[in-house]
């Protein structure tokens, strides 16, 4: 995920150090991907990136802690990731999306 954060008053890019200060990550969430500043692969300008190195470990922990079928993991992977990581950058997953996903998973389970 690439993102940028700008100061509302100056329209300047918020410094990396200030971005990190804004993210209050508790100890039990320390496996979350780190933020780094990289060149955007298409635009060629600096962007912040949720670094993907720990994403695999994070998602293994998420799905290992539940009795989730392989089909549900495949269907829910992106939504689960976004629900965990999104709030760090101000993205909230609408409750309606989560409710619909839960309903769809129950429907799949009952037809198998």
N, C-alpha and C. Protein backbone atom coordinates (compact mmCIF):
# COMPACT_ATOMS: atom_id res chain seq x y z
N UNK A 1 0.85 -1.16 0.00
CA UNK A 1 0.00 0.00 0.00
C UNK A 1 0.90 1.23 0.00
N UNK A 2 0.68 2.10 -0.94
CA UNK A 2 1.41 3.37 -1.01
C UNK A 2 0.48 4.49 -0.57
N UNK A 3 1.03 5.44 0.16
CA UNK A 3 0.23 6.56 0.63
C UNK A 3 1.12 7.77 0.83
N UNK A 4 0.49 8.92 0.87
CA UNK A 4 1.18 10.15 1.22
C UNK A 4 0.35 10.89 2.23
N UNK A 5 0.99 11.67 3.06
CA UNK A 5 0.31 12.47 4.07
C UNK A 5 0.83 13.90 3.95
N UNK A 6 -0.11 14.81 3.82
CA UNK A 6 0.26 16.21 3.62
C UNK A 6 -0.28 17.06 4.76
N UNK A 7 0.47 18.10 5.09
CA UNK A 7 0.04 19.09 6.08
C UNK A 7 -1.06 19.94 5.44
N UNK A 8 -2.20 20.04 6.11
CA UNK A 8 -3.33 20.82 5.58
C UNK A 8 -3.00 22.29 5.40
N UNK A 9 -2.13 22.82 6.24
CA UNK A 9 -1.82 24.25 6.19
C UNK A 9 -0.81 24.60 5.10
N UNK A 10 0.17 23.74 4.89
CA UNK A 10 1.26 24.07 3.96
C UNK A 10 1.25 23.24 2.68
N UNK A 11 0.42 22.22 2.61
CA UNK A 11 0.40 21.29 1.48
C UNK A 11 1.74 20.60 1.26
N UNK A 12 2.59 20.58 2.28
CA UNK A 12 3.87 19.90 2.16
C UNK A 12 3.75 18.49 2.74
N UNK A 13 4.59 17.60 2.22
CA UNK A 13 4.61 16.22 2.68
C UNK A 13 5.00 16.18 4.15
N UNK A 14 4.26 15.45 4.95
CA UNK A 14 4.57 15.33 6.38
C UNK A 14 5.84 14.48 6.51
N UNK A 15 6.81 14.93 7.30
CA UNK A 15 8.07 14.18 7.45
C UNK A 15 7.84 12.78 8.04
N UNK A 16 8.71 11.88 7.65
CA UNK A 16 8.65 10.48 8.08
C UNK A 16 8.54 10.38 9.60
N UNK A 17 9.36 11.13 10.32
CA UNK A 17 9.37 11.06 11.78
C UNK A 17 8.00 11.40 12.37
N UNK A 18 7.32 12.38 11.76
CA UNK A 18 5.99 12.76 12.24
C UNK A 18 4.95 11.68 11.94
N UNK A 19 5.12 11.00 10.81
CA UNK A 19 4.21 9.89 10.47
C UNK A 19 4.34 8.80 11.53
N UNK A 20 5.56 8.44 11.86
CA UNK A 20 5.80 7.38 12.84
C UNK A 20 5.22 7.77 14.20
N UNK A 21 5.37 9.03 14.59
CA UNK A 21 4.81 9.49 15.87
C UNK A 21 3.29 9.36 15.90
N UNK A 22 2.65 9.54 14.75
CA UNK A 22 1.19 9.45 14.67
C UNK A 22 0.69 8.02 14.87
N UNK A 23 1.53 7.06 14.56
CA UNK A 23 1.13 5.66 14.66
C UNK A 23 1.46 5.13 16.05
N UNK A 24 0.45 4.92 16.84
CA UNK A 24 0.66 4.39 18.18
C UNK A 24 0.36 2.90 18.13
N UNK A 25 1.40 2.13 17.93
CA UNK A 25 1.25 0.68 17.79
C UNK A 25 1.56 0.02 19.13
N UNK A 26 0.61 -0.73 19.64
CA UNK A 26 0.82 -1.40 20.91
C UNK A 26 1.76 -2.59 20.72
N UNK A 27 2.27 -3.10 21.83
CA UNK A 27 3.22 -4.21 21.79
C UNK A 27 2.66 -5.44 21.08
N UNK A 28 1.38 -5.76 21.31
CA UNK A 28 0.83 -6.97 20.70
C UNK A 28 0.59 -6.83 19.20
N UNK A 29 0.74 -5.63 18.67
CA UNK A 29 0.62 -5.43 17.23
C UNK A 29 1.97 -5.15 16.57
N UNK A 30 3.04 -5.48 17.25
CA UNK A 30 4.36 -5.13 16.75
C UNK A 30 4.74 -5.86 15.46
N UNK A 31 4.00 -6.90 15.07
CA UNK A 31 4.27 -7.58 13.80
C UNK A 31 3.72 -6.85 12.59
N UNK A 32 3.03 -5.75 12.83
CA UNK A 32 2.46 -5.04 11.69
C UNK A 32 3.55 -4.49 10.80
N UNK A 33 3.25 -4.39 9.52
CA UNK A 33 4.26 -3.89 8.59
C UNK A 33 4.72 -2.49 8.95
N UNK A 34 5.99 -2.26 8.78
CA UNK A 34 6.56 -0.95 9.07
C UNK A 34 6.28 0.00 7.92
N UNK A 35 6.36 1.27 8.23
CA UNK A 35 6.22 2.31 7.20
C UNK A 35 7.61 2.70 6.75
N UNK A 36 7.81 2.77 5.46
CA UNK A 36 9.08 3.26 4.94
C UNK A 36 8.77 4.22 3.79
N UNK A 37 9.74 5.06 3.48
CA UNK A 37 9.55 5.99 2.37
C UNK A 37 10.32 5.44 1.17
N UNK A 38 9.61 5.30 0.06
CA UNK A 38 10.18 4.74 -1.16
C UNK A 38 9.70 5.55 -2.35
N UNK A 39 10.37 5.33 -3.46
CA UNK A 39 9.91 5.96 -4.70
C UNK A 39 8.75 5.16 -5.26
N UNK A 40 7.66 5.83 -5.60
CA UNK A 40 6.51 5.16 -6.19
C UNK A 40 6.94 4.54 -7.53
N UNK A 41 6.61 3.27 -7.77
CA UNK A 41 7.11 2.59 -8.97
C UNK A 41 6.60 3.15 -10.29
N UNK A 42 5.47 3.83 -10.27
CA UNK A 42 4.91 4.38 -11.51
C UNK A 42 5.12 5.88 -11.59
N UNK A 43 4.86 6.59 -10.49
CA UNK A 43 4.92 8.05 -10.49
C UNK A 43 6.34 8.59 -10.33
N UNK A 44 7.22 7.79 -9.72
CA UNK A 44 8.61 8.21 -9.56
C UNK A 44 8.83 9.30 -8.53
N UNK A 45 7.88 9.47 -7.62
CA UNK A 45 8.02 10.47 -6.55
C UNK A 45 7.94 9.76 -5.20
N UNK A 46 8.46 10.41 -4.14
CA UNK A 46 8.44 9.76 -2.82
C UNK A 46 7.02 9.50 -2.31
N UNK A 47 6.81 8.31 -1.81
CA UNK A 47 5.57 7.91 -1.16
C UNK A 47 5.95 7.13 0.08
N UNK A 48 5.01 7.05 1.02
CA UNK A 48 5.18 6.15 2.15
C UNK A 48 4.59 4.81 1.75
N UNK A 49 5.18 3.76 2.25
CA UNK A 49 4.72 2.42 1.92
C UNK A 49 4.57 1.61 3.20
N UNK A 50 3.45 0.90 3.31
CA UNK A 50 3.34 -0.09 4.37
C UNK A 50 4.18 -1.26 3.89
N UNK A 51 5.30 -1.44 4.53
CA UNK A 51 6.29 -2.40 4.07
C UNK A 51 5.73 -3.82 4.16
N UNK A 52 5.83 -4.58 3.09
CA UNK A 52 5.19 -5.89 3.04
C UNK A 52 5.93 -7.04 3.73
N UNK A 53 7.14 -6.81 4.23
CA UNK A 53 7.95 -7.92 4.76
C UNK A 53 7.25 -8.76 5.82
N UNK A 54 6.55 -8.13 6.74
CA UNK A 54 5.94 -8.88 7.83
C UNK A 54 4.48 -9.25 7.56
N UNK A 55 3.97 -8.88 6.40
CA UNK A 55 2.56 -9.15 6.09
C UNK A 55 2.26 -10.64 6.15
N UNK A 56 3.11 -11.45 5.58
CA UNK A 56 2.89 -12.89 5.57
C UNK A 56 2.79 -13.45 6.99
N UNK A 57 3.71 -13.05 7.86
CA UNK A 57 3.68 -13.53 9.25
C UNK A 57 2.43 -13.05 9.97
N UNK A 58 2.07 -11.79 9.74
CA UNK A 58 0.87 -11.24 10.37
C UNK A 58 -0.36 -12.05 9.96
N UNK A 59 -0.50 -12.30 8.67
CA UNK A 59 -1.69 -12.99 8.19
C UNK A 59 -1.70 -14.46 8.61
N UNK A 60 -0.53 -15.09 8.70
CA UNK A 60 -0.48 -16.46 9.23
C UNK A 60 -1.00 -16.48 10.66
N UNK A 61 -0.59 -15.48 11.45
CA UNK A 61 -1.06 -15.40 12.84
C UNK A 61 -2.57 -15.22 12.89
N UNK A 62 -3.10 -14.39 12.01
CA UNK A 62 -4.55 -14.13 12.00
C UNK A 62 -5.32 -15.40 11.68
N UNK A 63 -4.93 -16.09 10.63
CA UNK A 63 -5.71 -17.25 10.21
C UNK A 63 -5.37 -18.52 10.99
N UNK A 64 -4.20 -18.56 11.61
CA UNK A 64 -3.85 -19.70 12.46
C UNK A 64 -4.67 -19.68 13.74
N UNK A 65 -5.04 -18.50 14.21
CA UNK A 65 -5.75 -18.38 15.48
C UNK A 65 -7.24 -18.68 15.34
N UNK A 66 -7.71 -18.95 14.13
CA UNK A 66 -9.12 -19.28 13.92
C UNK A 66 -9.22 -20.61 13.19
N UNK A 67 -10.38 -21.22 13.28
CA UNK A 67 -10.61 -22.46 12.52
C UNK A 67 -11.25 -22.07 11.20
N UNK A 68 -10.44 -21.52 10.32
CA UNK A 68 -10.92 -20.99 9.06
C UNK A 68 -10.61 -21.96 7.93
N UNK A 69 -11.59 -22.19 7.08
CA UNK A 69 -11.37 -23.07 5.93
C UNK A 69 -10.48 -22.39 4.90
N UNK A 70 -9.78 -23.18 4.09
CA UNK A 70 -8.94 -22.59 3.03
C UNK A 70 -9.73 -21.67 2.10
N UNK A 71 -10.98 -22.02 1.81
CA UNK A 71 -11.82 -21.18 0.94
C UNK A 71 -12.09 -19.83 1.60
N UNK A 72 -12.37 -19.83 2.90
CA UNK A 72 -12.62 -18.58 3.61
C UNK A 72 -11.37 -17.72 3.66
N UNK A 73 -10.21 -18.35 3.86
CA UNK A 73 -8.96 -17.60 3.88
C UNK A 73 -8.75 -16.91 2.54
N UNK A 74 -8.98 -17.65 1.47
CA UNK A 74 -8.82 -17.07 0.13
C UNK A 74 -9.77 -15.90 -0.06
N UNK A 75 -11.00 -16.03 0.39
CA UNK A 75 -12.00 -14.98 0.21
C UNK A 75 -11.75 -13.79 1.13
N UNK A 76 -11.22 -14.03 2.32
CA UNK A 76 -11.15 -12.98 3.34
C UNK A 76 -9.77 -12.36 3.52
N UNK A 77 -8.77 -12.82 2.79
CA UNK A 77 -7.40 -12.38 3.02
C UNK A 77 -7.26 -10.86 2.92
N UNK A 78 -7.68 -10.28 1.81
CA UNK A 78 -7.51 -8.84 1.59
C UNK A 78 -8.33 -8.04 2.59
N UNK A 79 -9.57 -8.45 2.82
CA UNK A 79 -10.41 -7.73 3.77
C UNK A 79 -9.83 -7.81 5.18
N UNK A 80 -9.32 -8.97 5.56
CA UNK A 80 -8.70 -9.11 6.89
C UNK A 80 -7.48 -8.21 7.01
N UNK A 81 -6.65 -8.20 5.99
CA UNK A 81 -5.45 -7.35 6.00
C UNK A 81 -5.85 -5.88 6.11
N UNK A 82 -6.81 -5.47 5.30
CA UNK A 82 -7.23 -4.07 5.31
C UNK A 82 -7.87 -3.68 6.64
N UNK A 83 -8.59 -4.59 7.25
CA UNK A 83 -9.22 -4.32 8.54
C UNK A 83 -8.18 -4.13 9.64
N UNK A 84 -7.07 -4.85 9.55
CA UNK A 84 -6.01 -4.73 10.55
C UNK A 84 -5.12 -3.52 10.30
N UNK A 85 -4.69 -3.36 9.07
CA UNK A 85 -3.70 -2.33 8.74
C UNK A 85 -4.35 -0.98 8.43
N UNK A 86 -5.53 -1.00 7.86
CA UNK A 86 -6.20 0.24 7.44
C UNK A 86 -6.31 1.31 8.51
N UNK A 87 -6.72 0.96 9.73
CA UNK A 87 -6.85 2.00 10.76
C UNK A 87 -5.55 2.75 11.06
N UNK A 88 -4.41 2.13 10.78
CA UNK A 88 -3.14 2.82 10.99
C UNK A 88 -2.99 4.03 10.09
N UNK A 89 -3.67 3.99 8.94
CA UNK A 89 -3.57 5.09 7.99
C UNK A 89 -4.93 5.77 7.77
N UNK A 90 -5.85 5.58 8.71
CA UNK A 90 -7.13 6.27 8.67
C UNK A 90 -8.19 5.63 7.80
N UNK A 91 -8.02 4.37 7.43
CA UNK A 91 -9.02 3.67 6.62
C UNK A 91 -9.83 2.77 7.54
N UNK A 92 -11.12 3.02 7.62
CA UNK A 92 -12.01 2.19 8.42
C UNK A 92 -12.83 1.30 7.50
N UNK A 93 -12.94 0.04 7.83
CA UNK A 93 -13.75 -0.89 7.04
C UNK A 93 -15.20 -0.73 7.48
N UNK A 94 -16.10 -0.43 6.54
CA UNK A 94 -17.51 -0.26 6.92
C UNK A 94 -18.07 -1.54 7.53
N UNK A 95 -18.85 -1.39 8.58
CA UNK A 95 -19.45 -2.52 9.27
C UNK A 95 -20.30 -3.36 8.31
N UNK A 96 -20.96 -2.72 7.38
CA UNK A 96 -21.80 -3.43 6.41
C UNK A 96 -20.96 -4.42 5.59
N UNK A 97 -19.75 -4.05 5.23
CA UNK A 97 -18.88 -4.94 4.45
C UNK A 97 -18.51 -6.16 5.29
N UNK A 98 -18.18 -5.93 6.56
CA UNK A 98 -17.81 -7.04 7.43
C UNK A 98 -19.00 -7.97 7.67
N UNK A 99 -20.18 -7.40 7.86
CA UNK A 99 -21.39 -8.20 8.08
C UNK A 99 -21.70 -9.05 6.86
N UNK A 100 -21.59 -8.46 5.68
CA UNK A 100 -21.88 -9.20 4.44
C UNK A 100 -20.88 -10.33 4.24
N UNK A 101 -19.62 -10.07 4.54
CA UNK A 101 -18.59 -11.10 4.40
C UNK A 101 -18.86 -12.26 5.35
N UNK A 102 -19.22 -11.94 6.59
CA UNK A 102 -19.54 -12.98 7.57
C UNK A 102 -20.74 -13.80 7.09
N UNK A 103 -21.75 -13.13 6.56
CA UNK A 103 -22.94 -13.82 6.04
C UNK A 103 -22.56 -14.74 4.89
N UNK A 104 -21.75 -14.24 3.95
CA UNK A 104 -21.33 -15.05 2.80
C UNK A 104 -20.54 -16.27 3.23
N UNK A 105 -19.68 -16.11 4.23
CA UNK A 105 -18.90 -17.25 4.72
C UNK A 105 -19.81 -18.31 5.34
N UNK A 106 -20.83 -17.89 6.08
CA UNK A 106 -21.76 -18.84 6.68
C UNK A 106 -22.54 -19.58 5.59
N UNK A 107 -22.91 -18.86 4.54
CA UNK A 107 -23.63 -19.49 3.44
C UNK A 107 -22.76 -20.54 2.75
N UNK A 108 -21.49 -20.22 2.53
CA UNK A 108 -20.58 -21.17 1.89
C UNK A 108 -20.40 -22.42 2.74
N UNK A 109 -20.25 -22.22 4.05
CA UNK A 109 -20.04 -23.33 4.96
C UNK A 109 -21.24 -24.26 4.97
N UNK A 110 -22.45 -23.70 4.94
CA UNK A 110 -23.65 -24.53 5.01
C UNK A 110 -23.91 -25.30 3.72
N UNK A 111 -23.34 -24.86 2.60
CA UNK A 111 -23.56 -25.57 1.33
C UNK A 111 -22.48 -26.60 1.03
N UNK A 112 -21.47 -26.69 1.86
CA UNK A 112 -20.38 -27.64 1.59
C UNK A 112 -20.64 -28.97 2.22
